[in-house]
Amino acid sequence: MRNKKQIKIDKPIVMVGLMGAGKTSIGRALARNLGIPFVDSDKEIEKAAGCSVVDIFSMYGEKEFRRVEQKVIERIIDTPPLIKVISTGEGAFITEAVRQTVLEKSLTIWLKADLELLVKRTNFRQTRPQLLNTDSRQILAQLIKERYDTYALADIMVETRDENIHKTLNKVLNAIEQKQKHKKGEQNETSK
């Protein structure tokens, strides 16, 4: 594992991607490594609503859930401490208003996973409203087709595999470091 002081973070980091990509586990490990807080937007939505994400979907529908999700994510981003890692639900970045906010105010990291890994990681979980009582492989394949082009708008993309969490975390840390070097290089070019 690398030294925590190697990377200087100056804005929130927002993890995006499909369910099962590792946004929460990698996000939590990233926050721990960087010594900053971790926030799971779905947990914050559940606190605000007083019920589970599955219940919100079933009682009020996806449109209302997305409205609440947008407000909660905006609040999380603007609430001190500002430097933190935020894990979002799989549909958050697809919502244009959320996407604009996080692209403007944070460093976005897309954890990209293939269909086999997503199916393996989401099977037998009862916390994914879109996958309840349905063919998860078919739904996930459709979501990949519909959403990967939008996820590609994130600042950084890291491919996740069926591997040790530390290996994926190191890929994320390396990608952040490369992004910062690239940004610093651009700033040096414009100041000449």
C-alpha atoms as a PDB file:
ATOM      1  CA  MET A   1       0.000   0.000   0.000  1.00  0.00           C
ATOM      2  CA  ARG A   2       1.193   3.503  -0.761  1.00  0.00           C
ATOM      3  CA  ASN A   3       1.889   6.403   1.590  1.00  0.00           C
ATOM      4  CA  LYS A   4      -1.219   8.465   2.391  1.00  0.00           C
ATOM      5  CA  LYS A   5       0.560  11.788   1.802  1.00  0.00           C
ATOM      6  CA  GLN A   6       1.466  11.155  -1.846  1.00  0.00           C
ATOM      7  CA  ILE A   7      -1.815  12.445  -3.233  1.00  0.00           C
ATOM      8  CA  LYS A   8      -3.237  15.862  -2.316  1.00  0.00           C
ATOM      9  CA  ILE A   9      -7.004  16.042  -2.694  1.00  0.00           C
ATOM     10  CA  ASP A  10      -8.566  19.496  -3.122  1.00  0.00           C
ATOM     11  CA  LYS A  11     -12.214  18.593  -3.773  1.00  0.00           C
ATOM     12  CA  PRO A  12     -14.648  15.741  -3.113  1.00  0.00           C
ATOM     13  CA  ILE A  13     -14.177  12.459  -4.961  1.00  0.00           C
ATOM     14  CA  VAL A  14     -17.383  10.920  -6.310  1.00  0.00           C
ATOM     15  CA  MET A  15     -17.496   7.223  -7.226  1.00  0.00           C
ATOM     16  CA  VAL A  16     -19.856   6.337 -10.101  1.00  0.00           C
ATOM     17  CA  GLY A  17     -20.742   3.134 -11.927  1.00  0.00           C
ATOM     18  CA  LEU A  18     -23.186   0.256 -11.965  1.00  0.00           C
ATOM     19  CA  MET A  19     -24.255  -1.739  -8.918  1.00  0.00           C
ATOM     20  CA  GLY A  20     -21.599  -4.287  -8.066  1.00  0.00           C
ATOM     21  CA  ALA A  21     -18.722  -2.288  -9.562  1.00  0.00           C
ATOM     22  CA  GLY A  22     -17.267  -1.645  -6.091  1.00  0.00           C
ATOM     23  CA  LYS A  23     -18.163   2.012  -5.504  1.00  0.00           C
ATOM     24  CA  THR A  24     -18.787   1.521  -1.788  1.00  0.00           C
ATOM     25  CA  SER A  25     -15.973  -0.907  -0.942  1.00  0.00           C
ATOM     26  CA  ILE A  26     -13.359   0.877  -3.079  1.00  0.00           C
ATOM     27  CA  GLY A  27     -14.676   4.296  -2.024  1.00  0.00           C
ATOM     28  CA  ARG A  28     -14.404   3.368   1.645  1.00  0.00           C
ATOM     29  CA  ALA A  29     -10.857   1.984   1.145  1.00  0.00           C
ATOM     30  CA  LEU A  30      -9.869   5.094  -0.832  1.00  0.00           C
ATOM     31  CA  ALA A  31     -11.144   7.412   1.910  1.00  0.00           C
ATOM     32  CA  ARG A  32      -9.296   5.405   4.561  1.00  0.00           C
ATOM     33  CA  ASN A  33      -6.079   5.509   2.498  1.00  0.00           C
ATOM     34  CA  LEU A  34      -6.343   9.268   1.952  1.00  0.00           C
ATOM     35  CA  GLY A  35      -7.366   9.937   5.559  1.00  0.00           C
ATOM     36  CA  ILE A  36     -10.642  11.655   4.598  1.00  0.00           C
ATOM     37  CA  PRO A  37     -14.306  10.894   5.387  1.00  0.00           C
ATOM     38  CA  PHE A  38     -16.425   8.452   3.373  1.00  0.00           C
ATOM     39  CA  VAL A  39     -20.132   9.024   2.660  1.00  0.00           C
ATOM     40  CA  ASP A  40     -22.525   6.556   0.998  1.00  0.00           C
ATOM     41  CA  SER A  41     -25.264   8.593  -0.729  1.00  0.00           C
ATOM     42  CA  ASP A  42     -27.774   5.700  -0.556  1.00  0.00           C
ATOM     43  CA  LYS A  43     -27.317   5.499   3.229  1.00  0.00           C
ATOM     44  CA  GLU A  44     -27.864   9.268   3.473  1.00  0.00           C
ATOM     45  CA  ILE A  45     -31.026   8.962   1.343  1.00  0.00           C
ATOM     46  CA  GLU A  46     -32.295   6.213   3.646  1.00  0.00           C
ATOM     47  CA  LYS A  47     -31.610   8.407   6.701  1.00  0.00           C
ATOM     48  CA  ALA A  48     -33.445  11.351   5.121  1.00  0.00           C
ATOM     49  CA  ALA A  49     -36.422   9.220   4.023  1.00  0.00           C
ATOM     50  CA  GLY A  50     -36.598   7.017   7.098  1.00  0.00           C
ATOM     51  CA  CYS A  51     -36.821   3.869   4.966  1.00  0.00           C
ATOM     52  CA  SER A  52     -34.729   1.734   2.609  1.00  0.00           C
ATOM     53  CA  VAL A  53     -33.948   2.507  -1.026  1.00  0.00           C
ATOM     54  CA  VAL A  54     -35.990  -0.576  -1.992  1.00  0.00           C
ATOM     55  CA  ASP A  55     -38.962   0.812  -0.021  1.00  0.00           C
ATOM     56  CA  ILE A  56     -38.637   4.259  -1.605  1.00  0.00           C
ATOM     57  CA  PHE A  57     -38.672   2.685  -5.075  1.00  0.00           C
ATOM     58  CA  SER A  58     -41.700   0.506  -4.304  1.00  0.00           C
ATOM     59  CA  MET A  59     -43.743   3.190  -2.504  1.00  0.00           C
ATOM     60  CA  TYR A  60     -42.904   6.289  -4.543  1.00  0.00           C
ATOM     61  CA  GLY A  61     -41.276   5.111  -7.779  1.00  0.00           C
ATOM     62  CA  GLU A  62     -37.942   5.793  -9.412  1.00  0.00           C
ATOM     63  CA  LYS A  63     -38.737   9.383 -10.426  1.00  0.00           C
ATOM     64  CA  GLU A  64     -39.316  10.457  -6.814  1.00  0.00           C
ATOM     65  CA  PHE A  65     -36.252   8.508  -5.680  1.00  0.00           C
ATOM     66  CA  ARG A  66     -34.094  10.368  -8.255  1.00  0.00           C
ATOM     67  CA  ARG A  67     -35.466  13.724  -7.045  1.00  0.00           C
ATOM     68  CA  VAL A  68     -34.557  12.917  -3.444  1.00  0.00           C
ATOM     69  CA  GLU A  69     -31.195  11.492  -4.534  1.00  0.00           C
ATOM     70  CA  GLN A  70     -30.322  14.730  -6.348  1.00  0.00           C
ATOM     71  CA  LYS A  71     -31.082  16.865  -3.288  1.00  0.00           C
ATOM     72  CA  VAL A  72     -29.138  14.565  -0.956  1.00  0.00           C
ATOM     73  CA  ILE A  73     -26.065  14.424  -3.220  1.00  0.00           C
ATOM     74  CA  GLU A  74     -26.059  18.226  -3.594  1.00  0.00           C
ATOM     75  CA  ARG A  75     -26.231  18.536   0.202  1.00  0.00           C
ATOM     76  CA  ILE A  76     -23.433  15.985   0.733  1.00  0.00           C
ATOM     77  CA  ILE A  77     -21.127  17.770  -1.720  1.00  0.00           C
ATOM     78  CA  ASP A  78     -21.731  21.199  -0.151  1.00  0.00           C
ATOM     79  CA  THR A  79     -21.589  20.099   3.519  1.00  0.00           C
ATOM     80  CA  PRO A  80     -18.255  20.353   5.354  1.00  0.00           C
ATOM     81  CA  PRO A  81     -15.874  18.726   5.444  1.00  0.00           C
ATOM     82  CA  LEU A  82     -15.775  19.301   1.701  1.00  0.00           C
ATOM     83  CA  ILE A  83     -12.881  16.915   1.080  1.00  0.00           C
ATOM     84  CA  LYS A  84     -14.363  13.406   1.218  1.00  0.00           C
ATOM     85  CA  VAL A  85     -15.134  10.337  -0.882  1.00  0.00           C
ATOM     86  CA  ILE A  86     -18.774   9.897  -1.890  1.00  0.00           C
ATOM     87  CA  SER A  87     -20.204   6.630  -3.184  1.00  0.00           C
ATOM     88  CA  THR A  88     -23.318   7.147  -5.335  1.00  0.00           C
ATOM     89  CA  GLY A  89     -26.095   4.849  -6.461  1.00  0.00           C
ATOM     90  CA  GLU A  90     -25.823   3.452  -9.973  1.00  0.00           C
ATOM     91  CA  GLY A  91     -28.372   5.842 -11.450  1.00  0.00           C
ATOM     92  CA  ALA A  92     -27.174   9.057  -9.839  1.00  0.00           C
ATOM     93  CA  PHE A  93     -24.639  10.042 -12.517  1.00  0.00           C
ATOM     94  CA  ILE A  94     -27.231   9.298 -15.214  1.00  0.00           C
ATOM     95  CA  THR A  95     -29.446  12.088 -13.839  1.00  0.00           C
ATOM     96  CA  GLU A  96     -28.307  15.204 -15.715  1.00  0.00           C
ATOM     97  CA  ALA A  97     -28.585  17.623 -12.780  1.00  0.00           C
ATOM     98  CA  VAL A  98     -26.567  15.303 -10.518  1.00  0.00           C
ATOM     99  CA  ARG A  99     -23.994  14.720 -13.259  1.00  0.00           C
ATOM    100  CA  GLN A 100     -23.537  18.471 -13.826  1.00  0.00           C
ATOM    101  CA  THR A 101     -23.114  19.092 -10.099  1.00  0.00           C
ATOM    102  CA  VAL A 102     -20.562  16.352  -9.512  1.00  0.00           C
ATOM    103  CA  LEU A 103     -18.588  17.113 -12.686  1.00  0.00           C
ATOM    104  CA  GLU A 104     -18.390  20.775 -11.669  1.00  0.00           C
ATOM    105  CA  LYS A 105     -17.637  20.341  -7.958  1.00  0.00           C
ATOM    106  CA  SER A 106     -15.760  17.049  -7.612  1.00  0.00           C
ATOM    107  CA  LEU A 107     -13.356  14.543  -9.117  1.00  0.00           C
ATOM    108  CA  THR A 108     -15.494  11.758 -10.586  1.00  0.00           C
ATOM    109  CA  ILE A 109     -14.206   8.199 -10.831  1.00  0.00           C
ATOM    110  CA  TRP A 110     -16.061   5.598 -12.889  1.00  0.00           C
ATOM    111  CA  LEU A 111     -15.462   2.039 -11.730  1.00  0.00           C
ATOM    112  CA  LYS A 112     -16.087   0.061 -14.917  1.00  0.00           C
ATOM    113  CA  ALA A 113     -16.826  -3.645 -14.566  1.00  0.00           C
ATOM    114  CA  ASP A 114     -17.781  -6.282 -17.114  1.00  0.00           C
ATOM    115  CA  LEU A 115     -21.127  -8.070 -17.089  1.00  0.00           C
ATOM    116  CA  GLU A 116     -19.830 -11.316 -15.531  1.00  0.00           C
ATOM    117  CA  LEU A 117     -18.350  -9.510 -12.538  1.00  0.00           C
ATOM    118  CA  LEU A 118     -21.494  -7.410 -12.006  1.00  0.00           C
ATOM    119  CA  VAL A 119     -23.728 -10.505 -12.108  1.00  0.00           C
ATOM    120  CA  LYS A 120     -21.442 -12.347  -9.673  1.00  0.00           C
ATOM    121  CA  ARG A 121     -21.368  -9.439  -7.225  1.00  0.00           C
ATOM    122  CA  THR A 122     -25.093  -8.605  -7.312  1.00  0.00           C
ATOM    123  CA  ASN A 123     -26.653 -12.089  -7.271  1.00  0.00           C
ATOM    124  CA  PHE A 124     -28.496 -12.967  -4.070  1.00  0.00           C
ATOM    125  CA  ARG A 125     -28.595  -9.359  -2.848  1.00  0.00           C
ATOM    126  CA  GLN A 126     -32.014  -8.013  -1.897  1.00  0.00           C
ATOM    127  CA  THR A 127     -30.868  -4.356  -1.783  1.00  0.00           C
ATOM    128  CA  ARG A 128     -30.966  -3.686  -5.543  1.00  0.00           C
ATOM    129  CA  PRO A 129     -34.514  -2.571  -6.492  1.00  0.00           C
ATOM    130  CA  GLN A 130     -33.991  -2.986 -10.255  1.00  0.00           C
ATOM    131  CA  LEU A 131     -32.792  -6.586  -9.816  1.00  0.00           C
ATOM    132  CA  LEU A 132     -35.517  -7.913  -7.523  1.00  0.00           C
ATOM    133  CA  ASN A 133     -37.621 -10.737  -9.026  1.00  0.00           C
ATOM    134  CA  THR A 134     -36.041 -10.452 -12.453  1.00  0.00           C
ATOM    135  CA  ASP A 135     -33.245 -11.770 -14.679  1.00  0.00           C
ATOM    136  CA  SER A 136     -30.300  -9.797 -13.273  1.00  0.00           C
ATOM    137  CA  ARG A 137     -27.996 -10.689 -16.192  1.00  0.00           C
ATOM    138  CA  GLN A 138     -30.478  -9.264 -18.699  1.00  0.00           C
ATOM    139  CA  ILE A 139     -31.085  -6.101 -16.648  1.00  0.00           C
ATOM    140  CA  LEU A 140     -27.376  -5.489 -16.066  1.00  0.00           C
ATOM    141  CA  ALA A 141     -26.589  -6.044 -19.778  1.00  0.00           C
ATOM    142  CA  GLN A 142     -29.259  -3.484 -20.646  1.00  0.00           C
ATOM    143  CA  LEU A 143     -27.905  -1.001 -18.078  1.00  0.00           C
ATOM    144  CA  ILE A 144     -24.379  -1.418 -19.501  1.00  0.00           C
ATOM    145  CA  LYS A 145     -25.729  -0.662 -22.975  1.00  0.00           C
ATOM    146  CA  GLU A 146     -27.725   2.356 -21.772  1.00  0.00           C
ATOM    147  CA  ARG A 147     -25.303   3.883 -19.246  1.00  0.00           C
ATOM    148  CA  TYR A 148     -21.656   3.213 -20.067  1.00  0.00           C
ATOM    149  CA  ASP A 149     -21.477   6.085 -22.569  1.00  0.00           C
ATOM    150  CA  THR A 150     -22.703   8.459 -19.846  1.00  0.00           C
ATOM    151  CA  TYR A 151     -20.350   7.025 -17.197  1.00  0.00           C
ATOM    152  CA  ALA A 152     -17.521   7.650 -19.687  1.00  0.00           C
ATOM    153  CA  LEU A 153     -18.023  11.402 -19.029  1.00  0.00           C
ATOM    154  CA  ALA A 154     -16.420  10.914 -15.590  1.00  0.00           C
ATOM    155  CA  ASP A 155     -12.999  12.476 -15.018  1.00  0.00           C
ATOM    156  CA  ILE A 156     -11.322   9.092 -14.498  1.00  0.00           C
ATOM    157  CA  MET A 157     -12.181   5.535 -15.536  1.00  0.00           C
ATOM    158  CA  VAL A 158     -10.745   2.522 -13.720  1.00  0.00           C
ATOM    159  CA  GLU A 159     -11.505  -1.026 -14.853  1.00  0.00           C
ATOM    160  CA  THR A 160     -12.379  -3.261 -11.925  1.00  0.00           C
ATOM    161  CA  ARG A 161     -11.831  -6.981 -12.018  1.00  0.00           C
ATOM    162  CA  ASP A 162     -12.427  -9.938  -9.741  1.00  0.00           C
ATOM    163  CA  GLU A 163      -9.291  -9.113  -7.752  1.00  0.00           C
ATOM    164  CA  ASN A 164      -8.031  -8.149  -4.329  1.00  0.00           C
ATOM    165  CA  ILE A 165      -9.487  -4.823  -3.136  1.00  0.00           C
ATOM    166  CA  HIS A 166      -5.953  -3.450  -2.598  1.00  0.00           C
ATOM    167  CA  LYS A 167      -5.109  -4.055  -6.257  1.00  0.00           C
ATOM    168  CA  THR A 168      -8.171  -2.097  -7.404  1.00  0.00           C
ATOM    169  CA  LEU A 169      -7.478   0.623  -4.830  1.00  0.00           C
ATOM    170  CA  ASN A 170      -3.925   1.008  -6.160  1.00  0.00           C
ATOM    171  CA  LYS A 171      -5.300   1.345  -9.702  1.00  0.00           C
ATOM    172  CA  VAL A 172      -7.600   4.130  -8.472  1.00  0.00           C
ATOM    173  CA  LEU A 173      -4.777   5.896  -6.611  1.00  0.00           C
ATOM    174  CA  ASN A 174      -2.514   5.651  -9.673  1.00  0.00           C
ATOM    175  CA  ALA A 175      -5.274   7.052 -11.903  1.00  0.00           C
ATOM    176  CA  ILE A 176      -5.797  10.025  -9.548  1.00  0.00           C
ATOM    177  CA  GLU A 177      -2.058  10.646  -9.485  1.00  0.00           C
ATOM    178  CA  GLN A 178      -1.870  10.541 -13.301  1.00  0.00           C
ATOM    179  CA  LYS A 179      -4.837  12.904 -13.581  1.00  0.00           C
ATOM    180  CA  GLN A 180      -3.152  15.362 -11.217  1.00  0.00           C
ATOM    181  CA  LYS A 181       0.151  15.192 -13.138  1.00  0.00           C
ATOM    182  CA  HIS A 182      -1.700  15.766 -16.410  1.00  0.00           C
ATOM    183  CA  LYS A 183      -3.594  18.727 -14.914  1.00  0.00           C
ATOM    184  CA  LYS A 184      -0.363  20.191 -13.517  1.00  0.00           C
ATOM    185  CA  GLY A 185       1.299  19.790 -16.927  1.00  0.00           C
ATOM    186  CA  GLU A 186      -1.579  21.651 -18.612  1.00  0.00           C
ATOM    187  CA  GLN A 187      -1.332  24.471 -16.077  1.00  0.00           C
ATOM    188  CA  ASN A 188       2.424  24.767 -16.703  1.00  0.00           C
ATOM    189  CA  GLU A 189       1.815  24.919 -20.469  1.00  0.00           C
ATOM    190  CA  THR A 190      -0.775  27.713 -20.165  1.00  0.00           C
ATOM    191  CA  SER A 191       1.425  29.772 -17.845  1.00  0.00           C
ATOM    192  CA  LYS A 192       4.314  29.850 -20.361  1.00  0.00           C
END
